[in-house]
Amino acid sequence: MKINKLSVESFRQFYDPQEVKFAAGSKNVTLIIGANGAGKTGIFRAMIYGLYGHQSLQQDDSDSKVHLVNFERLQENTGRPVSAKVSLEFENEGKTYQLVREIAEVMQGEKIQELGEKV
């Protein structure tokens, strides 16, 4: 399997739509570098969620819930559902596939409630 492109919208720290295009052809390595807090783990988390539906990573505190919807969007839309979307385009055995996952949450006061997922 070869991942071609990752797109996210309202996912974790990514407020606006963002896209990562991975190396293609003879360029077979993509490096993702940046300072702490720049979004490297967010990209990894989006890939894991997109491929497997896992919301937590091994490094996460097992006692606290991981929220995938952008917190700023939730605050701006208090009381209304907000969705985070992850789209992965990949190739396998010469065929191209697109996998899309979406999760909705709503903020009520200080609490965030998960409303459900769509694949």
PDB file of N, CA and C in Angstrom:
ATOM      1  N   MET A   1       0.846  -1.177   0.000  1.00  0.00           N
ATOM      2  CA  MET A   1       0.000   0.000   0.000  1.00  0.00           C
ATOM      3  C   MET A   1       0.887   1.234   0.000  1.00  0.00           C
ATOM      4  N   LYS A   2       0.479   2.231  -0.760  1.00  0.00           N
ATOM      5  CA  LYS A   2       1.214   3.493  -0.842  1.00  0.00           C
ATOM      6  C   LYS A   2       0.221   4.634  -0.626  1.00  0.00           C
ATOM      7  N   ILE A   3       0.473   5.453   0.386  1.00  0.00           N
ATOM      8  CA  ILE A   3      -0.406   6.597   0.655  1.00  0.00           C
ATOM      9  C   ILE A   3       0.005   7.752  -0.250  1.00  0.00           C
ATOM     10  N   ASN A   4      -0.960   8.310  -0.973  1.00  0.00           N
ATOM     11  CA  ASN A   4      -0.706   9.426  -1.889  1.00  0.00           C
ATOM     12  C   ASN A   4      -1.005  10.781  -1.264  1.00  0.00           C
ATOM     13  N   LYS A   5      -2.122  10.861  -0.530  1.00  0.00           N
ATOM     14  CA  LYS A   5      -2.562  12.169  -0.047  1.00  0.00           C
ATOM     15  C   LYS A   5      -3.397  12.014   1.213  1.00  0.00           C
ATOM     16  N   LEU A   6      -3.201  12.947   2.134  1.00  0.00           N
ATOM     17  CA  LEU A   6      -3.989  13.040   3.358  1.00  0.00           C
ATOM     18  C   LEU A   6      -4.621  14.426   3.386  1.00  0.00           C
ATOM     19  N   SER A   7      -5.923  14.477   3.596  1.00  0.00           N
ATOM     20  CA  SER A   7      -6.629  15.755   3.734  1.00  0.00           C
ATOM     21  C   SER A   7      -7.376  15.749   5.053  1.00  0.00           C
ATOM     22  N   VAL A   8      -7.334  16.882   5.755  1.00  0.00           N
ATOM     23  CA  VAL A   8      -8.053  17.015   7.025  1.00  0.00           C
ATOM     24  C   VAL A   8      -8.816  18.331   7.027  1.00  0.00           C
ATOM     25  N   GLU A   9      -9.900  18.340   7.784  1.00  0.00           N
ATOM     26  CA  GLU A   9     -10.694  19.561   7.946  1.00  0.00           C
ATOM     27  C   GLU A   9     -11.269  19.577   9.356  1.00  0.00           C
ATOM     28  N   SER A  10     -11.011  20.644  10.089  1.00  0.00           N
ATOM     29  CA  SER A  10     -11.474  20.803  11.474  1.00  0.00           C
ATOM     30  C   SER A  10     -11.009  19.643  12.352  1.00  0.00           C
ATOM     31  N   PHE A  11      -9.852  19.111  12.059  1.00  0.00           N
ATOM     32  CA  PHE A  11      -9.308  17.959  12.787  1.00  0.00           C
ATOM     33  C   PHE A  11      -8.218  18.424  13.741  1.00  0.00           C
ATOM     34  N   ARG A  12      -8.453  18.208  15.051  1.00  0.00           N
ATOM     35  CA  ARG A  12      -7.495  18.572  16.095  1.00  0.00           C
ATOM     36  C   ARG A  12      -7.021  20.020  15.921  1.00  0.00           C
ATOM     37  N   GLN A  13      -5.723  20.252  15.743  1.00  0.00           N
ATOM     38  CA  GLN A  13      -5.223  21.622  15.658  1.00  0.00           C
ATOM     39  C   GLN A  13      -5.387  22.242  14.278  1.00  0.00           C
ATOM     40  N   PHE A  14      -5.877  21.481  13.310  1.00  0.00           N
ATOM     41  CA  PHE A  14      -6.032  21.983  11.941  1.00  0.00           C
ATOM     42  C   PHE A  14      -7.425  22.583  11.753  1.00  0.00           C
ATOM     43  N   TYR A  15      -7.525  23.887  11.871  1.00  0.00           N
ATOM     44  CA  TYR A  15      -8.803  24.597  11.782  1.00  0.00           C
ATOM     45  C   TYR A  15      -9.317  24.594  10.338  1.00  0.00           C
ATOM     46  N   ASP A  16      -8.505  25.084   9.422  1.00  0.00           N
ATOM     47  CA  ASP A  16      -8.879  25.134   8.004  1.00  0.00           C
ATOM     48  C   ASP A  16      -8.491  23.833   7.308  1.00  0.00           C
ATOM     49  N   PRO A  17      -9.062  23.582   6.132  1.00  0.00           N
ATOM     50  CA  PRO A  17      -8.678  22.376   5.387  1.00  0.00           C
ATOM     51  C   PRO A  17      -7.170  22.379   5.086  1.00  0.00           C
ATOM     52  N   GLN A  18      -6.544  21.241   5.286  1.00  0.00           N
ATOM     53  CA  GLN A  18      -5.109  21.073   5.038  1.00  0.00           C
ATOM     54  C   GLN A  18      -4.911  19.800   4.230  1.00  0.00           C
ATOM     55  N   GLU A  19      -3.807  19.766   3.459  1.00  0.00           N
ATOM     56  CA  GLU A  19      -3.532  18.609   2.615  1.00  0.00           C
ATOM     57  C   GLU A  19      -2.038  18.310   2.624  1.00  0.00           C
ATOM     58  N   VAL A  20      -1.705  17.042   2.735  1.00  0.00           N
ATOM     59  CA  VAL A  20      -0.327  16.582   2.633  1.00  0.00           C
ATOM     60  C   VAL A  20      -0.271  15.632   1.448  1.00  0.00           C
ATOM     61  N   LYS A  21       0.578  15.975   0.461  1.00  0.00           N
ATOM     62  CA  LYS A  21       0.797  15.081  -0.669  1.00  0.00           C
ATOM     63  C   LYS A  21       2.117  14.361  -0.438  1.00  0.00           C
ATOM     64  N   PHE A  22       2.068  13.041  -0.489  1.00  0.00           N
ATOM     65  CA  PHE A  22       3.244  12.232  -0.226  1.00  0.00           C
ATOM     66  C   PHE A  22       4.026  11.998  -1.513  1.00  0.00           C
ATOM     67  N   ALA A  23       5.313  11.713  -1.364  1.00  0.00           N
ATOM     68  CA  ALA A  23       6.213  11.526  -2.500  1.00  0.00           C
ATOM     69  C   ALA A  23       5.670  10.477  -3.462  1.00  0.00           C
ATOM     70  N   ALA A  24       5.907  10.719  -4.744  1.00  0.00           N
ATOM     71  CA  ALA A  24       5.415   9.800  -5.776  1.00  0.00           C
ATOM     72  C   ALA A  24       6.533   9.499  -6.768  1.00  0.00           C
ATOM     73  N   GLY A  25       6.326   8.461  -7.558  1.00  0.00           N
ATOM     74  CA  GLY A  25       7.282   8.103  -8.600  1.00  0.00           C
ATOM     75  C   GLY A  25       8.625   7.705  -8.029  1.00  0.00           C
ATOM     76  N   SER A  26       9.688   8.277  -8.591  1.00  0.00           N
ATOM     77  CA  SER A  26      11.039   7.942  -8.133  1.00  0.00           C
ATOM     78  C   SER A  26      11.363   8.572  -6.781  1.00  0.00           C
ATOM     79  N   LYS A  27      10.541   9.526  -6.351  1.00  0.00           N
ATOM     80  CA  LYS A  27      10.699  10.125  -5.023  1.00  0.00           C
ATOM     81  C   LYS A  27       9.897   9.259  -4.055  1.00  0.00           C
ATOM     82  N   ASN A  28      10.580   8.403  -3.311  1.00  0.00           N
ATOM     83  CA  ASN A  28       9.844   7.427  -2.506  1.00  0.00           C
ATOM     84  C   ASN A  28       9.895   7.693  -1.007  1.00  0.00           C
ATOM     85  N   VAL A  29      10.321   8.887  -0.592  1.00  0.00           N
ATOM     86  CA  VAL A  29      10.388   9.199   0.831  1.00  0.00           C
ATOM     87  C   VAL A  29       9.782  10.580   1.067  1.00  0.00           C
ATOM     88  N   THR A  30       8.916  10.661   2.064  1.00  0.00           N
ATOM     89  CA  THR A  30       8.360  11.942   2.495  1.00  0.00           C
ATOM     90  C   THR A  30       8.790  12.177   3.928  1.00  0.00           C
ATOM     91  N   LEU A  31       9.407  13.312   4.189  1.00  0.00           N
ATOM     92  CA  LEU A  31       9.808  13.681   5.540  1.00  0.00           C
ATOM     93  C   LEU A  31       8.860  14.744   6.060  1.00  0.00           C
ATOM     94  N   ILE A  32       8.426  14.575   7.286  1.00  0.00           N
ATOM     95  CA  ILE A  32       7.580  15.576   7.935  1.00  0.00           C
ATOM     96  C   ILE A  32       8.360  16.062   9.141  1.00  0.00           C
ATOM     97  N   ILE A  33       8.794  17.321   9.078  1.00  0.00           N
ATOM     98  CA  ILE A  33       9.610  17.884  10.153  1.00  0.00           C
ATOM     99  C   ILE A  33       8.961  19.177  10.639  1.00  0.00           C
ATOM    100  N   GLY A  34       9.246  19.524  11.867  1.00  0.00           N
ATOM    101  CA  GLY A  34       8.733  20.768  12.417  1.00  0.00           C
ATOM    102  C   GLY A  34       8.997  20.844  13.901  1.00  0.00           C
ATOM    103  N   ALA A  35       8.829  22.029  14.436  1.00  0.00           N
ATOM    104  CA  ALA A  35       9.023  22.258  15.866  1.00  0.00           C
ATOM    105  C   ALA A  35       7.931  21.546  16.660  1.00  0.00           C
ATOM    106  N   ASN A  36       8.163  21.408  17.964  1.00  0.00           N
ATOM    107  CA  ASN A  36       7.138  20.850  18.841  1.00  0.00           C
ATOM    108  C   ASN A  36       5.864  21.676  18.712  1.00  0.00           C
ATOM    109  N   GLY A  37       4.740  20.990  18.607  1.00  0.00           N
ATOM    110  CA  GLY A  37       3.457  21.672  18.492  1.00  0.00           C
ATOM    111  C   GLY A  37       3.095  22.097  17.085  1.00  0.00           C
ATOM    112  N   ALA A  38       3.922  21.753  16.100  1.00  0.00           N
ATOM    113  CA  ALA A  38       3.670  22.174  14.717  1.00  0.00           C
ATOM    114  C   ALA A  38       2.643  21.307  14.001  1.00  0.00           C
ATOM    115  N   GLY A  39       2.351  20.102  14.530  1.00  0.00           N
ATOM    116  CA  GLY A  39       1.324  19.265  13.921  1.00  0.00           C
ATOM    117  C   GLY A  39       1.781  17.921  13.396  1.00  0.00           C
ATOM    118  N   LYS A  40       3.014  17.528  13.678  1.00  0.00           N
ATOM    119  CA  LYS A  40       3.510  16.232  13.188  1.00  0.00           C
ATOM    120  C   LYS A  40       2.681  15.079  13.742  1.00  0.00           C
ATOM    121  N   THR A  41       2.439  15.080  15.040  1.00  0.00           N
ATOM    122  CA  THR A  41       1.627  14.024  15.648  1.00  0.00           C
ATOM    123  C   THR A  41       0.186  14.125  15.171  1.00  0.00           C
ATOM    124  N   GLY A  42      -0.293  15.336  14.920  1.00  0.00           N
ATOM    125  CA  GLY A  42      -1.642  15.514  14.386  1.00  0.00           C
ATOM    126  C   GLY A  42      -1.805  14.845  13.029  1.00  0.00           C
ATOM    127  N   ILE A  43      -0.778  14.940  12.198  1.00  0.00           N
ATOM    128  CA  ILE A  43      -0.801  14.272  10.886  1.00  0.00           C
ATOM    129  C   ILE A  43      -0.817  12.755  11.088  1.00  0.00           C
ATOM    130  N   PHE A  44       0.038  12.267  11.979  1.00  0.00           N
ATOM    131  CA  PHE A  44       0.070  10.830  12.268  1.00  0.00           C
ATOM    132  C   PHE A  44      -1.275  10.362  12.828  1.00  0.00           C
ATOM    133  N   ARG A  45      -1.833  11.138  13.760  1.00  0.00           N
ATOM    134  CA  ARG A  45      -3.127  10.790  14.361  1.00  0.00           C
ATOM    135  C   ARG A  45      -4.222  10.741  13.282  1.00  0.00           C
ATOM    136  N   ALA A  46      -4.191  11.687  12.348  1.00  0.00           N
ATOM    137  CA  ALA A  46      -5.175  11.703  11.258  1.00  0.00           C
ATOM    138  C   ALA A  46      -5.041  10.464  10.384  1.00  0.00           C
ATOM    139  N   MET A  47      -3.812  10.043  10.116  1.00  0.00           N
ATOM    140  CA  MET A  47      -3.604   8.837   9.308  1.00  0.00           C
ATOM    141  C   MET A  47      -4.134   7.598  10.031  1.00  0.00           C
ATOM    142  N   ILE A  48      -3.848   7.477  11.326  1.00  0.00           N
ATOM    143  CA  ILE A  48      -4.314   6.329  12.106  1.00  0.00           C
ATOM    144  C   ILE A  48      -5.842   6.327  12.186  1.00  0.00           C
ATOM    145  N   TYR A  49      -6.433   7.498  12.411  1.00  0.00           N
ATOM    146  CA  TYR A  49      -7.898   7.585  12.460  1.00  0.00           C
ATOM    147  C   TYR A  49      -8.497   7.248  11.089  1.00  0.00           C
ATOM    148  N   GLY A  50      -7.922   7.817  10.031  1.00  0.00           N
ATOM    149  CA  GLY A  50      -8.437   7.564   8.688  1.00  0.00           C
ATOM    150  C   GLY A  50      -8.377   6.102   8.295  1.00  0.00           C
ATOM    151  N   LEU A  51      -7.272   5.456   8.597  1.00  0.00           N
ATOM    152  CA  LEU A  51      -7.097   4.052   8.206  1.00  0.00           C
ATOM    153  C   LEU A  51      -7.841   3.076   9.109  1.00  0.00           C
ATOM    154  N   TYR A  52      -7.795   3.302  10.417  1.00  0.00           N
ATOM    155  CA  TYR A  52      -8.280   2.300  11.360  1.00  0.00           C
ATOM    156  C   TYR A  52      -9.432   2.742  12.252  1.00  0.00           C
ATOM    157  N   GLY A  53      -9.711   4.044  12.282  1.00  0.00           N
ATOM    158  CA  GLY A  53     -10.781   4.543  13.140  1.00  0.00           C
ATOM    159  C   GLY A  53     -10.380   4.717  14.589  1.00  0.00           C
ATOM    160  N   HIS A  54      -9.090   4.554  14.895  1.00  0.00           N
ATOM    161  CA  HIS A  54      -8.610   4.715  16.270  1.00  0.00           C
ATOM    162  C   HIS A  54      -8.509   6.196  16.620  1.00  0.00           C
ATOM    163  N   GLN A  55      -9.099   6.581  17.738  1.00  0.00           N
ATOM    164  CA  GLN A  55      -9.055   7.969  18.162  1.00  0.00           C
ATOM    165  C   GLN A  55      -7.863   8.256  19.066  1.00  0.00           C
ATOM    166  N   SER A  56      -7.362   7.260  19.747  1.00  0.00           N
ATOM    167  CA  SER A  56      -6.254   7.432  20.687  1.00  0.00           C
ATOM    168  C   SER A  56      -4.985   6.794  20.142  1.00  0.00           C
ATOM    169  N   LEU A  57      -3.863   7.331  20.580  1.00  0.00           N
ATOM    170  CA  LEU A  57      -2.559   6.747  20.287  1.00  0.00           C
ATOM    171  C   LEU A  57      -2.013   6.135  21.571  1.00  0.00           C
ATOM    172  N   GLN A  58      -1.032   5.304  21.443  1.00  0.00           N
ATOM    173  CA  GLN A  58      -0.446   4.640  22.606  1.00  0.00           C
ATOM    174  C   GLN A  58       0.082   5.659  23.621  1.00  0.00           C
ATOM    175  N   GLN A  59       0.555   6.786  23.149  1.00  0.00           N
ATOM    176  CA  GLN A  59       1.127   7.807  24.041  1.00  0.00           C
ATOM    177  C   GLN A  59       0.079   8.597  24.812  1.00  0.00           C
ATOM    178  N   ASP A  60      -1.195   8.484  24.455  1.00  0.00           N
ATOM    179  CA  ASP A  60      -2.257   9.238  25.122  1.00  0.00           C
ATOM    180  C   ASP A  60      -2.526   8.704  26.522  1.00  0.00           C
ATOM    181  N   ASP A  61      -2.954   9.596  27.387  1.00  0.00           N
ATOM    182  CA  ASP A  61      -3.351   9.228  28.744  1.00  0.00           C
ATOM    183  C   ASP A  61      -4.624   8.388  28.646  1.00  0.00           C
ATOM    184  N   SER A  62      -4.583   7.186  29.149  1.00  0.00           N
ATOM    185  CA  SER A  62      -5.730   6.272  29.025  1.00  0.00           C
ATOM    186  C   SER A  62      -6.931   6.718  29.855  1.00  0.00           C
ATOM    187  N   ASP A  63      -6.740   7.632  30.796  1.00  0.00           N
ATOM    188  CA  ASP A  63      -7.834   8.085  31.651  1.00  0.00           C
ATOM    189  C   ASP A  63      -8.644   9.230  31.042  1.00  0.00           C
ATOM    190  N   SER A  64      -8.137   9.851  29.984  1.00  0.00           N
ATOM    191  CA  SER A  64      -8.865  10.995  29.422  1.00  0.00           C
ATOM    192  C   SER A  64      -9.285  10.729  27.979  1.00  0.00           C
ATOM    193  N   LYS A  65     -10.417  11.273  27.620  1.00  0.00           N
ATOM    194  CA  LYS A  65     -10.992  11.119  26.285  1.00  0.00           C
ATOM    195  C   LYS A  65     -10.252  12.016  25.300  1.00  0.00           C
ATOM    196  N   VAL A  66      -9.917  11.486  24.139  1.00  0.00           N
ATOM    197  CA  VAL A  66      -9.273  12.256  23.075  1.00  0.00           C
ATOM    198  C   VAL A  66     -10.369  12.782  22.154  1.00  0.00           C
ATOM    199  N   HIS A  67     -10.384  14.082  21.952  1.00  0.00           N
ATOM    200  CA  HIS A  67     -11.358  14.693  21.046  1.00  0.00           C
ATOM    201  C   HIS A  67     -10.668  15.045  19.735  1.00  0.00           C
ATOM    202  N   LEU A  68     -11.302  14.695  18.631  1.00  0.00           N
ATOM    203  CA  LEU A  68     -10.693  14.894  17.319  1.00  0.00           C
ATOM    204  C   LEU A  68     -11.166  16.162  16.622  1.00  0.00           C
ATOM    205  N   VAL A  69     -12.290  16.710  17.026  1.00  0.00           N
ATOM    206  CA  VAL A  69     -12.813  17.922  16.393  1.00  0.00           C
ATOM    207  C   VAL A  69     -12.052  19.130  16.938  1.00  0.00           C
ATOM    208  N   ASN A  70     -11.730  20.055  16.047  1.00  0.00           N
ATOM    209  CA  ASN A  70     -10.997  21.262  16.417  1.00  0.00           C
ATOM    210  C   ASN A  70     -11.718  22.017  17.528  1.00  0.00           C
ATOM    211  N   PHE A  71     -11.008  22.262  18.633  1.00  0.00           N
ATOM    212  CA  PHE A  71     -11.589  22.881  19.823  1.00  0.00           C
ATOM    213  C   PHE A  71     -12.107  24.298  19.543  1.00  0.00           C
ATOM    214  N   GLU A  72     -11.374  25.064  18.752  1.00  0.00           N
ATOM    215  CA  GLU A  72     -11.796  26.432  18.424  1.00  0.00           C
ATOM    216  C   GLU A  72     -13.125  26.433  17.665  1.00  0.00           C
ATOM    217  N   ARG A  73     -13.273  25.499  16.723  1.00  0.00           N
ATOM    218  CA  ARG A  73     -14.548  25.380  15.982  1.00  0.00           C
ATOM    219  C   ARG A  73     -15.689  24.999  16.919  1.00  0.00           C
ATOM    220  N   LEU A  74     -15.403  24.093  17.854  1.00  0.00           N
ATOM    221  CA  LEU A  74     -16.433  23.703  18.819  1.00  0.00           C
ATOM    222  C   LEU A  74     -16.869  24.902  19.658  1.00  0.00           C
ATOM    223  N   GLN A  75     -15.919  25.704  20.120  1.00  0.00           N
ATOM    224  CA  GLN A  75     -16.245  26.887  20.922  1.00  0.00           C
ATOM    225  C   GLN A  75     -17.070  27.889  20.121  1.00  0.00           C
ATOM    226  N   GLU A  76     -16.715  28.087  18.857  1.00  0.00           N
ATOM    227  CA  GLU A  76     -17.438  29.032  17.999  1.00  0.00           C
ATOM    228  C   GLU A  76     -18.870  28.572  17.730  1.00  0.00           C
ATOM    229  N   ASN A  77     -19.090  27.275  17.808  1.00  0.00           N
ATOM    230  CA  ASN A  77     -20.397  26.695  17.479  1.00  0.00           C
ATOM    231  C   ASN A  77     -21.032  26.008  18.682  1.00  0.00           C
ATOM    232  N   THR A  78     -20.841  26.554  19.878  1.00  0.00           N
ATOM    233  CA  THR A  78     -21.374  25.948  21.094  1.00  0.00           C
ATOM    234  C   THR A  78     -22.850  25.601  20.920  1.00  0.00           C
ATOM    235  N   GLY A  79     -23.180  24.353  21.269  1.00  0.00           N
ATOM    236  CA  GLY A  79     -24.553  23.878  21.169  1.00  0.00           C
ATOM    237  C   GLY A  79     -24.921  23.332  19.799  1.00  0.00           C
ATOM    238  N   ARG A  80     -24.023  23.477  18.823  1.00  0.00           N
ATOM    239  CA  ARG A  80     -24.281  22.959  17.468  1.00  0.00           C
ATOM    240  C   ARG A  80     -23.219  21.926  17.106  1.00  0.00           C
ATOM    241  N   PRO A  81     -23.592  20.885  16.395  1.00  0.00           N
ATOM    242  CA  PRO A  81     -22.628  19.847  16.007  1.00  0.00           C
ATOM    243  C   PRO A  81     -21.560  20.398  15.062  1.00  0.00           C
ATOM    244  N   VAL A  82     -20.346  19.920  15.253  1.00  0.00           N
ATOM    245  CA  VAL A  82     -19.224  20.249  14.378  1.00  0.00           C
ATOM    246  C   VAL A  82     -18.559  18.936  13.988  1.00  0.00           C
ATOM    247  N   SER A  83     -18.186  18.820  12.727  1.00  0.00           N
ATOM    248  CA  SER A  83     -17.562  17.595  12.237  1.00  0.00           C
ATOM    249  C   SER A  83     -16.099  17.811  11.887  1.00  0.00           C
ATOM    250  N   ALA A  84     -15.293  16.808  12.168  1.00  0.00           N
ATOM    251  CA  ALA A  84     -13.910  16.740  11.701  1.00  0.00           C
ATOM    252  C   ALA A  84     -13.869  15.664  10.620  1.00  0.00           C
ATOM    253  N   LYS A  85     -13.107  15.929   9.571  1.00  0.00           N
ATOM    254  CA  LYS A  85     -13.074  15.015   8.435  1.00  0.00           C
ATOM    255  C   LYS A  85     -11.633  14.678   8.076  1.00  0.00           C
ATOM    256  N   VAL A  86     -11.390  13.394   7.809  1.00  0.00           N
ATOM    257  CA  VAL A  86     -10.090  12.906   7.364  1.00  0.00           C
ATOM    258  C   VAL A  86     -10.315  12.107   6.084  1.00  0.00           C
ATOM    259  N   SER A  87      -9.523  12.419   5.071  1.00  0.00           N
ATOM    260  CA  SER A  87      -9.605  11.704   3.806  1.00  0.00           C
ATOM    261  C   SER A  87      -8.210  11.212   3.436  1.00  0.00           C
ATOM    262  N   LEU A  88      -8.105   9.919   3.150  1.00  0.00           N
ATOM    263  CA  LEU A  88      -6.835   9.318   2.739  1.00  0.00           C
ATOM    264  C   LEU A  88      -6.977   8.737   1.345  1.00  0.00           C
ATOM    265  N   GLU A  89      -6.076   9.136   0.469  1.00  0.00           N
ATOM    266  CA  GLU A  89      -6.032   8.542  -0.870  1.00  0.00           C
ATOM    267  C   GLU A  89      -4.803   7.634  -0.903  1.00  0.00           C
ATOM    268  N   PHE A  90      -5.012   6.378  -1.306  1.00  0.00           N
ATOM    269  CA  PHE A  90      -3.893   5.441  -1.342  1.00  0.00           C
ATOM    270  C   PHE A  90      -4.037   4.480  -2.510  1.00  0.00           C
ATOM    271  N   GLU A  91      -2.916   3.850  -2.856  1.00  0.00           N
ATOM    272  CA  GLU A  91      -2.878   2.857  -3.926  1.00  0.00           C
ATOM    273  C   GLU A  91      -2.543   1.496  -3.334  1.00  0.00           C
ATOM    274  N   ASN A  92      -3.163   0.482  -3.906  1.00  0.00           N
ATOM    275  CA  ASN A  92      -2.847  -0.889  -3.531  1.00  0.00           C
ATOM    276  C   ASN A  92      -3.040  -1.770  -4.750  1.00  0.00           C
ATOM    277  N   GLU A  93      -1.993  -2.488  -5.112  1.00  0.00           N
ATOM    278  CA  GLU A  93      -2.012  -3.392  -6.264  1.00  0.00           C
ATOM    279  C   GLU A  93      -2.527  -2.696  -7.515  1.00  0.00           C
ATOM    280  N   GLY A  94      -2.046  -1.473  -7.733  1.00  0.00           N
ATOM    281  CA  GLY A  94      -2.366  -0.740  -8.957  1.00  0.00           C
ATOM    282  C   GLY A  94      -3.707  -0.028  -8.973  1.00  0.00           C
ATOM    283  N   LYS A  95      -4.485  -0.143  -7.923  1.00  0.00           N
ATOM    284  CA  LYS A  95      -5.778   0.535  -7.850  1.00  0.00           C
ATOM    285  C   LYS A  95      -5.709   1.656  -6.824  1.00  0.00           C
ATOM    286  N   THR A  96      -6.417   2.752  -7.107  1.00  0.00           N
ATOM    287  CA  THR A  96      -6.451   3.896  -6.198  1.00  0.00           C
ATOM    288  C   THR A  96      -7.754   3.882  -5.418  1.00  0.00           C
ATOM    289  N   TYR A  97      -7.641   4.138  -4.111  1.00  0.00           N
ATOM    290  CA  TYR A  97      -8.792   4.148  -3.219  1.00  0.00           C
ATOM    291  C   TYR A  97      -8.816   5.454  -2.430  1.00  0.00           C
ATOM    292  N   GLN A  98      -9.997   5.836  -2.004  1.00  0.00           N
ATOM    293  CA  GLN A  98     -10.130   6.974  -1.105  1.00  0.00           C
ATOM    294  C   GLN A  98     -10.983   6.538   0.079  1.00  0.00           C
ATOM    295  N   LEU A  99     -10.442   6.743   1.252  1.00  0.00           N
ATOM    296  CA  LEU A  99     -11.118   6.387   2.490  1.00  0.00           C
ATOM    297  C   LEU A  99     -11.416   7.679   3.236  1.00  0.00           C
ATOM    298  N   VAL A 100     -12.682   7.881   3.599  1.00  0.00           N
ATOM    299  CA  VAL A 100     -13.083   9.112   4.286  1.00  0.00           C
ATOM    300  C   VAL A 100     -13.765   8.748   5.595  1.00  0.00           C
ATOM    301  N   ARG A 101     -13.317   9.374   6.664  1.00  0.00           N
ATOM    302  CA  ARG A 101     -13.941   9.220   7.981  1.00  0.00           C
ATOM    303  C   ARG A 101     -14.297  10.602   8.499  1.00  0.00           C
ATOM    304  N   GLU A 102     -15.435  10.653   9.166  1.00  0.00           N
ATOM    305  CA  GLU A 102     -15.901  11.914   9.735  1.00  0.00           C
ATOM    306  C   GLU A 102     -16.451  11.627  11.130  1.00  0.00           C
ATOM    307  N   ILE A 103     -16.152  12.530  12.054  1.00  0.00           N
ATOM    308  CA  ILE A 103     -16.654  12.395  13.411  1.00  0.00           C
ATOM    309  C   ILE A 103     -17.271  13.723  13.824  1.00  0.00           C
ATOM    310  N   ALA A 104     -18.408  13.653  14.499  1.00  0.00           N
ATOM    311  CA  ALA A 104     -19.102  14.869  14.939  1.00  0.00           C
ATOM    312  C   ALA A 104     -19.094  14.935  16.462  1.00  0.00           C
ATOM    313  N   GLU A 105     -18.911  16.153  16.963  1.00  0.00           N
ATOM    314  CA  GLU A 105     -18.974  16.417  18.395  1.00  0.00           C
ATOM    315  C   GLU A 105     -19.730  17.718  18.608  1.00  0.00           C
ATOM    316  N   VAL A 106     -20.213  17.905  19.820  1.00  0.00           N
ATOM    317  CA  VAL A 106     -20.899  19.146  20.180  1.00  0.00           C
ATOM    318  C   VAL A 106     -20.395  19.584  21.545  1.00  0.00           C
ATOM    319  N   MET A 107     -20.245  20.897  21.713  1.00  0.00           N
ATOM    320  CA  MET A 107     -19.834  21.442  23.005  1.00  0.00           C
ATOM    321  C   MET A 107     -21.052  22.015  23.700  1.00  0.00           C
ATOM    322  N   GLN A 108     -21.278  21.547  24.926  1.00  0.00           N
ATOM    323  CA  GLN A 108     -22.376  22.039  25.770  1.00  0.00           C
ATOM    324  C   GLN A 108     -21.737  22.572  27.041  1.00  0.00           C
ATOM    325  N   GLY A 109     -21.649  23.877  27.180  1.00  0.00           N
ATOM    326  CA  GLY A 109     -20.954  24.455  28.329  1.00  0.00           C
ATOM    327  C   GLY A 109     -19.480  24.115  28.247  1.00  0.00           C
ATOM    328  N   GLU A 110     -18.965  23.416  29.258  1.00  0.00           N
ATOM    329  CA  GLU A 110     -17.556  23.014  29.284  1.00  0.00           C
ATOM    330  C   GLU A 110     -17.350  21.583  28.792  1.00  0.00           C
ATOM    331  N   LYS A 111     -18.446  20.875  28.522  1.00  0.00           N
ATOM    332  CA  LYS A 111     -18.348  19.462  28.137  1.00  0.00           C
ATOM    333  C   LYS A 111     -18.463  19.286  26.624  1.00  0.00           C
ATOM    334  N   ILE A 112     -17.700  18.300  26.127  1.00  0.00           N
ATOM    335  CA  ILE A 112     -17.745  17.945  24.711  1.00  0.00           C
ATOM    336  C   ILE A 112     -18.318  16.539  24.617  1.00  0.00           C
ATOM    337  N   GLN A 113     -19.339  16.395  23.783  1.00  0.00           N
ATOM    338  CA  GLN A 113     -19.981  15.096  23.613  1.00  0.00           C
ATOM    339  C   GLN A 113     -19.790  14.619  22.175  1.00  0.00           C
ATOM    340  N   GLU A 114     -19.360  13.359  22.034  1.00  0.00           N
ATOM    341  CA  GLU A 114     -19.233  12.769  20.719  1.00  0.00           C
ATOM    342  C   GLU A 114     -20.609  12.368  20.229  1.00  0.00           C
ATOM    343  N   LEU A 115     -20.938  12.718  18.985  1.00  0.00           N
ATOM    344  CA  LEU A 115     -22.244  12.411  18.412  1.00  0.00           C
ATOM    345  C   LEU A 115     -22.231  11.193  17.504  1.00  0.00           C
ATOM    346  N   GLY A 116     -21.078  10.865  16.960  1.00  0.00           N
ATOM    347  CA  GLY A 116     -21.012   9.682  16.103  1.00  0.00           C
ATOM    348  C   GLY A 116     -20.030   9.853  14.975  1.00  0.00           C
ATOM    349  N   GLU A 117     -19.812   8.723  14.278  1.00  0.00           N
ATOM    350  CA  GLU A 117     -18.857   8.680  13.170  1.00  0.00           C
ATOM    351  C   GLU A 117     -19.556   8.260  11.883  1.00  0.00           C
ATOM    352  N   LYS A 118     -18.911   8.652  10.790  1.00  0.00           N
ATOM    353  CA  LYS A 118     -19.393   8.249   9.468  1.00  0.00           C
ATOM    354  C   LYS A 118     -18.174   7.837   8.649  1.00  0.00           C
ATOM    355  N   VAL A 119     -18.251   6.671   8.004  1.00  0.00           N
ATOM    356  CA  VAL A 119     -17.153   6.178   7.164  1.00  0.00           C
ATOM    357  C   VAL A 119     -17.627   6.135   5.738  1.00  0.00           C
TER     358      VAL A 119
END
